[in-house]
Amino acid sequence: MNQLTSEQLVFLKEQKIALKYVFNANGLKKEEYREIMRDLNMIIAYNVTPCKAYGHSLRTRSGHCCQCDTSKIAFQSRADADGVTYLAGSLTGELIKIGYTKAVEIRSESLNRTKYANYSDWEILFAIESKFAGKIENLVNTELNKYFISNNYEHDNHNQQAYETFKCSYEKGKQMILEICQTNNLDFKIIKEKKTYNYNFKNLIKKIEH
């Protein structure tokens, strides 16, 4: 099984977990997928060893069955809540990425090493520190959804999908981060702001299929 089942999709929706935080751990040991998931900021793994109680195959990054005990999801989410919301750009792909991390100083290296979205020239352009960093990232990604572009890429021989890439300008993404913080009264501190016009790509709204 390589895809999420309908039951798993319903569970994830009920728990309000976006698919961008779900990792395909097929063929990986717990120690292996934990490291990769931490690197990619993933929360839930599927295609894992079924739990002994009910045979569930969704686990948290720590290896706990989240279907048996949903409190494990809340614990993982709290652990990921504070940190840094960042905006990265790829000149080759002419797109930006909005993400969340605990260690922004090594994030661009990680994105380039893993060739996130099939590009290896990512640069962190803008970053804010906040105890609401995880929430800010989610809200910004939602607001920029009309510019969303999906890219598949390989990470450690596993096919993954990029859910945080957008065909819009650096300025558009930066202003959206600031607007979300101000509108929702979320405290933040700017820790990086690159002055450049090179990443002000065209804002391309995705076509809606009927």
Protein backbone atom coordinates (compact mmCIF):
# COMPACT_ATOMS: atom_id res chain seq x y z
CA MET A 1 0.00 0.00 0.00
CA ASN A 2 1.47 3.32 -1.08
CA GLN A 3 -1.53 5.61 -0.78
CA LEU A 4 -3.57 6.73 2.20
CA THR A 5 -6.79 4.78 2.69
CA SER A 6 -10.18 6.51 2.79
CA GLU A 7 -10.34 5.72 6.52
CA GLN A 8 -6.97 7.38 7.11
CA LEU A 9 -7.97 10.42 5.07
CA VAL A 10 -11.13 10.81 7.15
CA PHE A 11 -9.10 10.52 10.37
CA LEU A 12 -6.58 13.14 9.22
CA LYS A 13 -9.38 15.50 8.24
CA GLU A 14 -11.08 15.04 11.62
CA GLN A 15 -7.79 15.80 13.36
CA LYS A 16 -7.23 18.82 11.08
CA ILE A 17 -3.89 17.57 9.82
CA ALA A 18 -2.97 18.87 6.37
CA LEU A 19 -1.53 16.33 3.93
CA LYS A 20 1.65 18.38 3.67
CA TYR A 21 2.49 17.11 7.18
CA VAL A 22 1.97 13.43 6.27
CA PHE A 23 4.97 11.32 5.26
CA ASN A 24 5.11 8.06 3.28
CA ALA A 25 7.42 5.88 5.41
CA ASN A 26 7.08 2.77 3.25
CA GLY A 27 10.12 0.51 3.71
CA LEU A 28 11.73 2.68 6.39
CA LYS A 29 12.56 1.80 9.99
CA LYS A 30 11.37 4.09 12.78
CA GLU A 31 14.84 5.53 13.30
CA GLU A 32 15.05 6.32 9.59
CA TYR A 33 11.67 7.97 9.10
CA ARG A 34 11.99 9.96 12.35
CA GLU A 35 15.13 11.65 11.07
CA ILE A 36 13.68 12.36 7.63
CA MET A 37 10.38 13.64 9.06
CA ARG A 38 12.20 15.96 11.43
CA ASP A 39 14.19 17.29 8.48
CA LEU A 40 11.00 17.87 6.45
CA ASN A 41 8.86 19.11 9.38
CA MET A 42 6.38 16.24 8.97
CA ILE A 43 4.03 15.19 11.81
CA ILE A 44 2.38 11.89 10.80
CA ALA A 45 3.83 8.85 9.02
CA TYR A 46 1.85 6.24 7.08
CA ASN A 47 2.82 2.86 5.61
CA VAL A 48 4.44 2.06 8.95
CA THR A 49 4.36 -1.10 11.07
CA PRO A 50 0.71 -1.60 12.16
CA CYS A 51 0.03 -1.11 15.86
CA LYS A 52 -0.50 -4.27 17.92
CA ALA A 53 -3.82 -3.14 19.39
CA TYR A 54 -5.91 -2.52 16.26
CA GLY A 55 -3.57 -2.71 13.29
CA HIS A 56 -3.54 1.04 12.67
CA SER A 57 -0.78 2.27 10.38
CA LEU A 58 -0.57 5.97 11.15
CA ARG A 59 2.12 7.01 13.61
CA THR A 60 3.56 10.24 14.95
CA ARG A 61 7.14 11.20 14.25
CA SER A 62 8.02 9.62 17.60
CA GLY A 63 6.54 6.30 16.51
CA HIS A 64 3.31 6.35 18.56
CA CYS A 65 -0.01 5.19 17.09
CA CYS A 66 -1.97 8.42 16.76
CA GLN A 67 -5.21 6.60 15.96
CA CYS A 68 -5.20 4.80 19.31
CA ASP A 69 -4.19 7.93 21.21
CA THR A 70 -4.93 11.24 19.49
CA SER A 71 -3.29 13.16 22.35
CA LYS A 72 0.04 12.20 20.77
CA ILE A 73 -0.86 14.45 17.84
CA ALA A 74 -1.50 17.42 20.13
CA PHE A 75 1.81 16.78 21.89
CA GLN A 76 3.69 16.71 18.58
CA SER A 77 1.88 19.84 17.38
CA ARG A 78 2.73 21.72 20.58
CA ALA A 79 6.36 20.70 20.18
CA ASP A 80 6.31 22.20 16.70
CA ALA A 81 4.34 25.37 17.52
CA ASP A 82 7.03 27.93 18.38
CA GLY A 83 10.02 28.59 16.18
CA VAL A 84 10.57 30.38 12.88
CA THR A 85 8.29 31.01 9.92
CA TYR A 86 10.44 31.54 6.84
CA LEU A 87 10.15 32.42 3.17
CA ALA A 88 12.60 30.76 0.80
CA GLY A 89 13.02 31.39 -2.91
CA SER A 90 14.31 29.43 -5.90
CA LEU A 91 15.52 31.42 -8.90
CA THR A 92 15.60 28.32 -11.08
CA GLY A 93 12.02 27.34 -10.27
CA GLU A 94 10.80 30.94 -10.04
CA LEU A 95 8.78 30.11 -6.97
CA ILE A 96 8.76 30.68 -3.24
CA LYS A 97 8.24 28.40 -0.26
CA ILE A 98 6.65 29.28 3.06
CA GLY A 99 7.80 26.99 5.84
CA TYR A 100 8.30 26.43 9.54
CA THR A 101 11.46 25.34 11.30
CA LYS A 102 13.23 25.24 14.63
CA ALA A 103 16.62 25.85 13.02
CA VAL A 104 16.43 28.43 10.23
CA GLU A 105 20.21 28.77 10.10
CA ILE A 106 20.51 25.33 8.45
CA ARG A 107 17.18 25.25 6.59
CA SER A 108 18.44 26.39 3.18
CA GLU A 109 21.20 23.78 3.32
CA SER A 110 18.59 21.13 4.11
CA LEU A 111 16.26 22.24 1.30
CA ASN A 112 19.11 22.21 -1.21
CA ARG A 113 20.56 18.91 -0.02
CA THR A 114 17.19 17.19 -0.39
CA LYS A 115 16.44 19.07 -3.65
CA TYR A 116 13.08 20.15 -2.29
CA ALA A 117 10.51 20.40 -5.12
CA ASN A 118 13.35 19.33 -7.47
CA TYR A 119 15.39 22.51 -6.99
CA SER A 120 18.72 23.01 -5.26
CA ASP A 121 19.15 26.78 -5.22
CA TRP A 122 16.87 27.66 -2.29
CA GLU A 123 17.76 30.73 -0.26
CA ILE A 124 16.09 31.97 2.93
CA LEU A 125 14.92 35.49 2.08
CA PHE A 126 12.72 36.42 5.02
CA ALA A 127 12.19 34.94 8.47
CA ILE A 128 10.32 35.80 11.65
CA GLU A 129 10.60 34.31 15.10
CA SER A 130 7.36 33.73 17.01
CA LYS A 131 5.76 31.45 19.58
CA PHE A 132 2.97 31.15 16.99
CA ALA A 133 5.30 30.21 14.11
CA GLY A 134 3.46 26.99 13.24
CA LYS A 135 0.10 28.76 13.17
CA ILE A 136 1.48 31.63 11.07
CA GLU A 137 2.88 29.20 8.51
CA ASN A 138 -0.47 27.43 8.17
CA LEU A 139 -2.43 30.67 7.80
CA VAL A 140 -0.03 32.09 5.20
CA ASN A 141 -0.08 28.87 3.17
CA THR A 142 -3.88 28.97 3.19
CA GLU A 143 -4.01 32.58 2.02
CA LEU A 144 -1.49 31.93 -0.78
CA ASN A 145 -3.31 28.80 -1.96
CA LYS A 146 -4.41 30.38 -5.26
CA TYR A 147 -0.71 30.57 -6.24
CA PHE A 148 0.02 27.00 -5.11
CA ILE A 149 1.97 24.71 -7.43
CA SER A 150 2.60 21.06 -6.62
CA ASN A 151 5.96 19.45 -7.33
CA ASN A 152 6.95 15.82 -6.79
CA TYR A 153 10.52 15.06 -5.81
CA GLU A 154 12.61 12.21 -4.41
CA HIS A 155 13.95 12.21 -0.88
CA ASP A 156 16.10 9.22 0.15
CA ASN A 157 14.62 7.21 -2.74
CA HIS A 158 11.08 8.00 -1.60
CA ASN A 159 8.68 10.01 -3.73
CA GLN A 160 7.40 13.06 -1.87
CA GLN A 161 5.15 15.95 -2.80
CA ALA A 162 5.89 19.61 -2.08
CA TYR A 163 2.85 21.29 -0.54
CA GLU A 164 4.40 24.66 0.36
CA THR A 165 5.53 26.06 -2.99
CA PHE A 166 3.90 29.02 -4.70
CA LYS A 167 4.19 30.80 -8.04
CA CYS A 168 4.29 34.29 -6.62
CA SER A 169 6.79 36.99 -5.73
CA TYR A 170 8.97 37.36 -2.67
CA GLU A 171 7.22 40.65 -1.94
CA LYS A 172 3.77 39.03 -2.08
CA GLY A 173 4.83 36.26 0.31
CA LYS A 174 6.57 38.62 2.73
CA GLN A 175 3.62 40.99 2.90
CA MET A 176 1.26 38.07 3.51
CA ILE A 177 3.34 36.90 6.49
CA LEU A 178 3.30 40.39 8.00
CA GLU A 179 -0.40 40.85 7.28
CA ILE A 180 -1.30 37.53 8.94
CA CYS A 181 0.67 38.46 12.06
CA GLN A 182 -0.84 41.93 12.32
CA THR A 183 -4.43 40.89 11.53
CA ASN A 184 -4.37 38.09 14.11
CA ASN A 185 -2.35 40.04 16.72
CA LEU A 186 0.44 37.45 16.70
CA ASP A 187 3.69 38.65 18.26
CA PHE A 188 6.77 38.22 16.08
CA LYS A 189 10.30 39.45 15.50
CA ILE A 190 11.92 39.78 12.09
CA ILE A 191 15.24 37.94 12.18
CA LYS A 192 16.09 38.04 8.48
CA GLU A 193 15.02 40.28 5.61
CA LYS A 194 16.99 40.15 2.37
CA LYS A 195 16.87 43.25 0.20
CA THR A 196 16.56 41.96 -3.37
CA TYR A 197 14.42 42.29 -6.47
CA ASN A 198 15.64 39.05 -8.06
CA TYR A 199 12.89 36.98 -6.47
CA ASN A 200 9.93 39.17 -7.38
CA PHE A 201 8.47 36.62 -9.78
CA LYS A 202 5.12 36.93 -11.54
CA ASN A 203 2.08 36.14 -9.40
CA LEU A 204 0.44 33.27 -11.29
CA ILE A 205 -3.00 32.21 -10.08
CA LYS A 206 -3.59 28.49 -10.66
CA LYS A 207 -6.31 27.42 -13.06
CA ILE A 208 -9.34 25.74 -11.51
CA GLU A 209 -10.41 22.57 -13.32
CA HIS A 210 -14.14 22.12 -13.87
